[in-house]
């Protein structure tokens, strides 16, 4: 199974990364699930940051997980 076959979704997070005094970072975003999944399917999320004009963004990859976490097939 290729990485693309195992991918079930993707998304991004953006927002205020540096917290204000006495507050947490304000990061928001969404994940789009790209196909129907059976009930109780476990998912593995992988994220990485990218610097873009105007700030940073976290890209997310959603994959089907096995009982140990990410499937490495």
PDB file of N, CA and C in Angstrom:
ATOM      1  N   UNK A   1       0.838  -1.166   0.000  1.00  0.00           N
ATOM      2  CA  UNK A   1       0.000   0.000   0.000  1.00  0.00           C
ATOM      3  C   UNK A   1       0.888   1.236   0.000  1.00  0.00           C
ATOM      4  N   UNK A   2       0.658   2.145  -0.913  1.00  0.00           N
ATOM      5  CA  UNK A   2       1.462   3.363  -0.969  1.00  0.00           C
ATOM      6  C   UNK A   2       0.957   4.369   0.063  1.00  0.00           C
ATOM      7  N   UNK A   3       1.764   5.415   0.314  1.00  0.00           N
ATOM      8  CA  UNK A   3       1.341   6.458   1.241  1.00  0.00           C
ATOM      9  C   UNK A   3       0.026   7.080   0.796  1.00  0.00           C
ATOM     10  N   UNK A   4      -0.142   7.264  -0.519  1.00  0.00           N
ATOM     11  CA  UNK A   4      -1.374   7.870  -1.022  1.00  0.00           C
ATOM     12  C   UNK A   4      -2.572   6.964  -0.756  1.00  0.00           C
ATOM     13  N   UNK A   5      -2.413   5.648  -0.879  1.00  0.00           N
ATOM     14  CA  UNK A   5      -3.508   4.721  -0.611  1.00  0.00           C
ATOM     15  C   UNK A   5      -3.908   4.757   0.856  1.00  0.00           C
ATOM     16  N   UNK A   6      -2.982   5.007   1.737  1.00  0.00           N
ATOM     17  CA  UNK A   6      -3.244   5.014   3.170  1.00  0.00           C
ATOM     18  C   UNK A   6      -3.774   6.365   3.653  1.00  0.00           C
ATOM     19  N   UNK A   7      -3.586   7.410   2.845  1.00  0.00           N
ATOM     20  CA  UNK A   7      -4.047   8.745   3.240  1.00  0.00           C
ATOM     21  C   UNK A   7      -5.572   8.793   3.199  1.00  0.00           C
ATOM     22  N   UNK A   8      -6.146   9.340   4.260  1.00  0.00           N
ATOM     23  CA  UNK A   8      -7.596   9.481   4.291  1.00  0.00           C
ATOM     24  C   UNK A   8      -8.028  10.930   4.440  1.00  0.00           C
ATOM     25  N   UNK A   9      -7.085  11.811   4.702  1.00  0.00           N
ATOM     26  CA  UNK A   9      -7.441  13.213   4.838  1.00  0.00           C
ATOM     27  C   UNK A   9      -6.226  14.097   4.954  1.00  0.00           C
ATOM     28  N   UNK A  10      -6.504  15.401   4.981  1.00  0.00           N
ATOM     29  CA  UNK A  10      -5.441  16.383   5.149  1.00  0.00           C
ATOM     30  C   UNK A  10      -6.060  17.673   5.655  1.00  0.00           C
ATOM     31  N   UNK A  11      -5.221  18.566   6.151  1.00  0.00           N
ATOM     32  CA  UNK A  11      -5.726  19.823   6.665  1.00  0.00           C
ATOM     33  C   UNK A  11      -4.606  20.769   7.011  1.00  0.00           C
ATOM     34  N   UNK A  12      -4.981  21.923   7.565  1.00  0.00           N
ATOM     35  CA  UNK A  12      -3.998  22.921   7.960  1.00  0.00           C
ATOM     36  C   UNK A  12      -4.446  23.603   9.250  1.00  0.00           C
ATOM     37  N   UNK A  13      -3.473  24.117   9.980  1.00  0.00           N
ATOM     38  CA  UNK A  13      -3.712  24.917  11.176  1.00  0.00           C
ATOM     39  C   UNK A  13      -2.982  26.236  11.017  1.00  0.00           C
ATOM     40  N   UNK A  14      -3.620  27.322  11.380  1.00  0.00           N
ATOM     41  CA  UNK A  14      -2.986  28.639  11.349  1.00  0.00           C
ATOM     42  C   UNK A  14      -3.428  29.404  12.590  1.00  0.00           C
ATOM     43  N   UNK A  15      -2.813  30.521  12.833  1.00  0.00           N
ATOM     44  CA  UNK A  15      -3.249  31.354  13.952  1.00  0.00           C
ATOM     45  C   UNK A  15      -2.110  32.092  14.609  1.00  0.00           C
ATOM     46  N   UNK A  16      -2.360  32.493  15.847  1.00  0.00           N
ATOM     47  CA  UNK A  16      -1.374  33.236  16.617  1.00  0.00           C
ATOM     48  C   UNK A  16      -0.517  32.235  17.384  1.00  0.00           C
ATOM     49  N   UNK A  17       0.736  32.093  16.981  1.00  0.00           N
ATOM     50  CA  UNK A  17       1.625  31.094  17.572  1.00  0.00           C
ATOM     51  C   UNK A  17       2.216  31.566  18.892  1.00  0.00           C
ATOM     52  N   UNK A  18       2.521  32.864  18.985  1.00  0.00           N
ATOM     53  CA  UNK A  18       3.129  33.398  20.204  1.00  0.00           C
ATOM     54  C   UNK A  18       2.001  33.758  21.167  1.00  0.00           C
ATOM     55  N   UNK A  19       1.976  33.125  22.337  1.00  0.00           N
ATOM     56  CA  UNK A  19       0.879  33.419  23.260  1.00  0.00           C
ATOM     57  C   UNK A  19       0.968  34.825  23.839  1.00  0.00           C
ATOM     58  N   UNK A  20      -0.185  35.391  24.104  1.00  0.00           N
ATOM     59  CA  UNK A  20      -0.243  36.655  24.829  1.00  0.00           C
ATOM     60  C   UNK A  20       0.039  36.367  26.299  1.00  0.00           C
ATOM     61  N   UNK A  21       0.434  37.364  27.069  1.00  0.00           N
ATOM     62  CA  UNK A  21       0.707  37.124  28.495  1.00  0.00           C
ATOM     63  C   UNK A  21      -0.502  36.458  29.178  1.00  0.00           C
ATOM     64  N   UNK A  22      -0.255  35.350  29.859  1.00  0.00           N
ATOM     65  CA  UNK A  22      -1.304  34.640  30.566  1.00  0.00           C
ATOM     66  C   UNK A  22      -2.249  33.850  29.695  1.00  0.00           C
ATOM     67  N   UNK A  23      -1.894  33.637  28.430  1.00  0.00           N
ATOM     68  CA  UNK A  23      -2.780  32.919  27.509  1.00  0.00           C
ATOM     69  C   UNK A  23      -1.991  31.867  26.732  1.00  0.00           C
ATOM     70  N   UNK A  24      -2.695  31.068  26.012  1.00  0.00           N
ATOM     71  CA  UNK A  24      -2.094  30.034  25.152  1.00  0.00           C
ATOM     72  C   UNK A  24      -2.096  30.527  23.711  1.00  0.00           C
ATOM     73  N   UNK A  25      -1.298  29.888  22.845  1.00  0.00           N
ATOM     74  CA  UNK A  25      -1.409  30.213  21.418  1.00  0.00           C
ATOM     75  C   UNK A  25      -2.836  29.970  20.933  1.00  0.00           C
ATOM     76  N   UNK A  26      -3.261  30.724  19.961  1.00  0.00           N
ATOM     77  CA  UNK A  26      -4.605  30.588  19.392  1.00  0.00           C
ATOM     78  C   UNK A  26      -4.452  30.007  17.990  1.00  0.00           C
ATOM     79  N   UNK A  27      -4.514  28.702  17.895  1.00  0.00           N
ATOM     80  CA  UNK A  27      -4.283  28.007  16.627  1.00  0.00           C
ATOM     81  C   UNK A  27      -5.572  27.287  16.242  1.00  0.00           C
ATOM     82  N   UNK A  28      -6.005  27.497  15.015  1.00  0.00           N
ATOM     83  CA  UNK A  28      -7.246  26.898  14.527  1.00  0.00           C
ATOM     84  C   UNK A  28      -7.036  26.332  13.135  1.00  0.00           C
ATOM     85  N   UNK A  29      -7.933  25.468  12.742  1.00  0.00           N
ATOM     86  CA  UNK A  29      -7.859  24.928  11.404  1.00  0.00           C
ATOM     87  C   UNK A  29      -8.862  23.824  11.219  1.00  0.00           C
ATOM     88  N   UNK A  30      -8.654  23.073  10.177  1.00  0.00           N
ATOM     89  CA  UNK A  30      -9.590  22.003   9.874  1.00  0.00           C
ATOM     90  C   UNK A  30      -8.908  20.834   9.207  1.00  0.00           C
ATOM     91  N   UNK A  31      -9.583  19.704   9.286  1.00  0.00           N
ATOM     92  CA  UNK A  31      -9.132  18.483   8.630  1.00  0.00           C
ATOM     93  C   UNK A  31     -10.277  18.004   7.750  1.00  0.00           C
ATOM     94  N   UNK A  32      -9.976  17.692   6.510  1.00  0.00           N
ATOM     95  CA  UNK A  32     -10.967  17.143   5.601  1.00  0.00           C
ATOM     96  C   UNK A  32     -10.711  15.651   5.450  1.00  0.00           C
ATOM     97  N   UNK A  33     -11.686  14.835   5.824  1.00  0.00           N
ATOM     98  CA  UNK A  33     -11.598  13.390   5.607  1.00  0.00           C
ATOM     99  C   UNK A  33     -12.092  13.135   4.190  1.00  0.00           C
ATOM    100  N   UNK A  34     -11.264  12.480   3.381  1.00  0.00           N
ATOM    101  CA  UNK A  34     -11.504  12.379   1.949  1.00  0.00           C
ATOM    102  C   UNK A  34     -12.232  11.111   1.505  1.00  0.00           C
ATOM    103  N   UNK A  35     -12.520  10.213   2.437  1.00  0.00           N
ATOM    104  CA  UNK A  35     -13.249   9.006   2.052  1.00  0.00           C
ATOM    105  C   UNK A  35     -13.983   8.422   3.255  1.00  0.00           C
ATOM    106  N   UNK A  36     -14.981   7.580   2.967  1.00  0.00           N
ATOM    107  CA  UNK A  36     -15.731   6.933   4.036  1.00  0.00           C
ATOM    108  C   UNK A  36     -14.856   5.900   4.730  1.00  0.00           C
ATOM    109  N   UNK A  37     -15.005   5.814   6.037  1.00  0.00           N
ATOM    110  CA  UNK A  37     -14.222   4.876   6.834  1.00  0.00           C
ATOM    111  C   UNK A  37     -15.168   4.026   7.666  1.00  0.00           C
ATOM    112  N   UNK A  38     -14.791   2.769   7.915  1.00  0.00           N
ATOM    113  CA  UNK A  38     -15.609   1.933   8.789  1.00  0.00           C
ATOM    114  C   UNK A  38     -15.622   2.503  10.215  1.00  0.00           C
ATOM    115  N   UNK A  39     -16.669   2.183  10.965  1.00  0.00           N
ATOM    116  CA  UNK A  39     -16.746   2.618  12.357  1.00  0.00           C
ATOM    117  C   UNK A  39     -15.524   2.126  13.121  1.00  0.00           C
ATOM    118  N   UNK A  40     -15.075   2.904  14.088  1.00  0.00           N
ATOM    119  CA  UNK A  40     -13.941   2.589  14.963  1.00  0.00           C
ATOM    120  C   UNK A  40     -12.598   2.532  14.247  1.00  0.00           C
ATOM    121  N   UNK A  41     -12.491   3.139  13.074  1.00  0.00           N
ATOM    122  CA  UNK A  41     -11.203   3.226  12.387  1.00  0.00           C
ATOM    123  C   UNK A  41     -10.294   4.162  13.167  1.00  0.00           C
ATOM    124  N   UNK A  42      -9.094   3.698  13.479  1.00  0.00           N
ATOM    125  CA  UNK A  42      -8.106   4.532  14.180  1.00  0.00           C
ATOM    126  C   UNK A  42      -7.320   5.323  13.148  1.00  0.00           C
ATOM    127  N   UNK A  43      -7.063   6.578  13.467  1.00  0.00           N
ATOM    128  CA  UNK A  43      -6.341   7.460  12.551  1.00  0.00           C
ATOM    129  C   UNK A  43      -5.048   7.936  13.186  1.00  0.00           C
ATOM    130  N   UNK A  44      -4.056   8.197  12.344  1.00  0.00           N
ATOM    131  CA  UNK A  44      -2.755   8.721  12.747  1.00  0.00           C
ATOM    132  C   UNK A  44      -2.598  10.090  12.101  1.00  0.00           C
ATOM    133  N   UNK A  45      -2.294  11.114  12.912  1.00  0.00           N
ATOM    134  CA  UNK A  45      -2.078  12.463  12.396  1.00  0.00           C
ATOM    135  C   UNK A  45      -0.590  12.780  12.409  1.00  0.00           C
ATOM    136  N   UNK A  46      -0.105  13.317  11.304  1.00  0.00           N
ATOM    137  CA  UNK A  46       1.267  13.781  11.196  1.00  0.00           C
ATOM    138  C   UNK A  46       1.204  15.257  10.836  1.00  0.00           C
ATOM    139  N   UNK A  47       2.026  16.079  11.476  1.00  0.00           N
ATOM    140  CA  UNK A  47       2.023  17.501  11.179  1.00  0.00           C
ATOM    141  C   UNK A  47       3.423  18.048  11.024  1.00  0.00           C
ATOM    142  N   UNK A  48       3.560  19.079  10.234  1.00  0.00           N
ATOM    143  CA  UNK A  48       4.840  19.753  10.052  1.00  0.00           C
ATOM    144  C   UNK A  48       4.560  21.223   9.802  1.00  0.00           C
ATOM    145  N   UNK A  49       5.492  22.076  10.218  1.00  0.00           N
ATOM    146  CA  UNK A  49       5.311  23.516  10.059  1.00  0.00           C
ATOM    147  C   UNK A  49       6.003  24.008   8.798  1.00  0.00           C
ATOM    148  N   UNK A  50       5.405  25.040   8.232  1.00  0.00           N
ATOM    149  CA  UNK A  50       5.980  25.719   7.078  1.00  0.00           C
ATOM    150  C   UNK A  50       5.872  27.215   7.329  1.00  0.00           C
ATOM    151  N   UNK A  51       6.910  27.937   6.939  1.00  0.00           N
ATOM    152  CA  UNK A  51       6.851  29.387   7.003  1.00  0.00           C
ATOM    153  C   UNK A  51       6.387  29.890   5.645  1.00  0.00           C
ATOM    154  N   UNK A  52       5.357  30.708   5.669  1.00  0.00           N
ATOM    155  CA  UNK A  52       4.805  31.277   4.442  1.00  0.00           C
ATOM    156  C   UNK A  52       4.767  32.787   4.612  1.00  0.00           C
ATOM    157  N   UNK A  53       4.606  33.542   3.527  1.00  0.00           N
ATOM    158  CA  UNK A  53       4.482  34.992   3.690  1.00  0.00           C
ATOM    159  C   UNK A  53       3.329  35.304   4.653  1.00  0.00           C
ATOM    160  N   UNK A  54       3.616  36.030   5.699  1.00  0.00           N
ATOM    161  CA  UNK A  54       2.587  36.392   6.659  1.00  0.00           C
ATOM    162  C   UNK A  54       2.539  35.515   7.892  1.00  0.00           C
ATOM    163  N   UNK A  55       3.355  34.458   7.979  1.00  0.00           N
ATOM    164  CA  UNK A  55       3.347  33.657   9.197  1.00  0.00           C
ATOM    165  C   UNK A  55       3.733  32.213   8.979  1.00  0.00           C
ATOM    166  N   UNK A  56       3.247  31.377   9.880  1.00  0.00           N
ATOM    167  CA  UNK A  56       3.523  29.948   9.824  1.00  0.00           C
ATOM    168  C   UNK A  56       2.218  29.187   9.669  1.00  0.00           C
ATOM    169  N   UNK A  57       2.319  28.005   9.114  1.00  0.00           N
ATOM    170  CA  UNK A  57       1.167  27.129   8.958  1.00  0.00           C
ATOM    171  C   UNK A  57       1.610  25.713   9.294  1.00  0.00           C
ATOM    172  N   UNK A  58       0.729  24.936   9.896  1.00  0.00           N
ATOM    173  CA  UNK A  58       0.982  23.520  10.140  1.00  0.00           C
ATOM    174  C   UNK A  58       0.161  22.740   9.125  1.00  0.00           C
ATOM    175  N   UNK A  59       0.820  21.907   8.345  1.00  0.00           N
ATOM    176  CA  UNK A  59       0.125  21.008   7.431  1.00  0.00           C
ATOM    177  C   UNK A  59      -0.101  19.688   8.154  1.00  0.00           C
ATOM    178  N   UNK A  60      -1.249  19.079   7.916  1.00  0.00           N
ATOM    179  CA  UNK A  60      -1.599  17.825   8.575  1.00  0.00           C
ATOM    180  C   UNK A  60      -1.879  16.749   7.540  1.00  0.00           C
ATOM    181  N   UNK A  61      -1.427  15.546   7.836  1.00  0.00           N
ATOM    182  CA  UNK A  61      -1.708  14.374   7.026  1.00  0.00           C
ATOM    183  C   UNK A  61      -2.440  13.381   7.917  1.00  0.00           C
ATOM    184  N   UNK A  62      -3.538  12.824   7.441  1.00  0.00           N
ATOM    185  CA  UNK A  62      -4.328  11.861   8.199  1.00  0.00           C
ATOM    186  C   UNK A  62      -4.209  10.514   7.497  1.00  0.00           C
ATOM    187  N   UNK A  63      -3.778   9.499   8.261  1.00  0.00           N
ATOM    188  CA  UNK A  63      -3.622   8.156   7.706  1.00  0.00           C
ATOM    189  C   UNK A  63      -4.321   7.143   8.607  1.00  0.00           C
ATOM    190  N   UNK A  64      -4.639   5.994   8.049  1.00  0.00           N
ATOM    191  CA  UNK A  64      -5.198   4.906   8.833  1.00  0.00           C
ATOM    192  C   UNK A  64      -4.089   4.341   9.709  1.00  0.00           C
ATOM    193  N   UNK A  65      -4.381   4.158  10.988  1.00  0.00           N
ATOM    194  CA  UNK A  65      -3.394   3.633  11.938  1.00  0.00           C
ATOM    195  C   UNK A  65      -3.624   2.142  12.146  1.00  0.00           C
ATOM    196  N   UNK A  66      -2.536   1.445  12.457  1.00  0.00           N
ATOM    197  CA  UNK A  66      -2.683   0.056  12.891  1.00  0.00           C
ATOM    198  C   UNK A  66      -2.640   0.046  14.412  1.00  0.00           C
ATOM    199  N   UNK A  67      -2.580  -1.100  15.042  1.00  0.00           N
ATOM    200  CA  UNK A  67      -2.642  -1.141  16.509  1.00  0.00           C
ATOM    201  C   UNK A  67      -1.407  -0.537  17.170  1.00  0.00           C
ATOM    202  N   UNK A  68      -0.336  -0.312  16.421  1.00  0.00           N
ATOM    203  CA  UNK A  68       0.890   0.277  16.966  1.00  0.00           C
ATOM    204  C   UNK A  68       1.030   1.752  16.613  1.00  0.00           C
ATOM    205  N   UNK A  69       0.125   2.317  15.866  1.00  0.00           N
ATOM    206  CA  UNK A  69       0.215   3.702  15.432  1.00  0.00           C
ATOM    207  C   UNK A  69       0.153   3.776  13.921  1.00  0.00           C
ATOM    208  N   UNK A  70       1.085   4.498  13.343  1.00  0.00           N
ATOM    209  CA  UNK A  70       1.100   4.674  11.892  1.00  0.00           C
ATOM    210  C   UNK A  70       1.441   3.376  11.193  1.00  0.00           C
ATOM    211  N   UNK A  71       0.666   3.046  10.174  1.00  0.00           N
ATOM    212  CA  UNK A  71       0.938   1.863   9.364  1.00  0.00           C
ATOM    213  C   UNK A  71       2.158   2.128   8.493  1.00  0.00           C
ATOM    214  N   UNK A  72       3.127   1.252   8.533  1.00  0.00           N
ATOM    215  CA  UNK A  72       4.390   1.421   7.772  1.00  0.00           C
ATOM    216  C   UNK A  72       4.495   0.416   6.637  1.00  0.00           C
ATOM    217  N   UNK A  73       3.419   0.119   5.963  1.00  0.00           N
ATOM    218  CA  UNK A  73       3.427  -0.882   4.889  1.00  0.00           C
ATOM    219  C   UNK A  73       4.114  -0.365   3.660  1.00  0.00           C
TER     220      UNK A  73
END
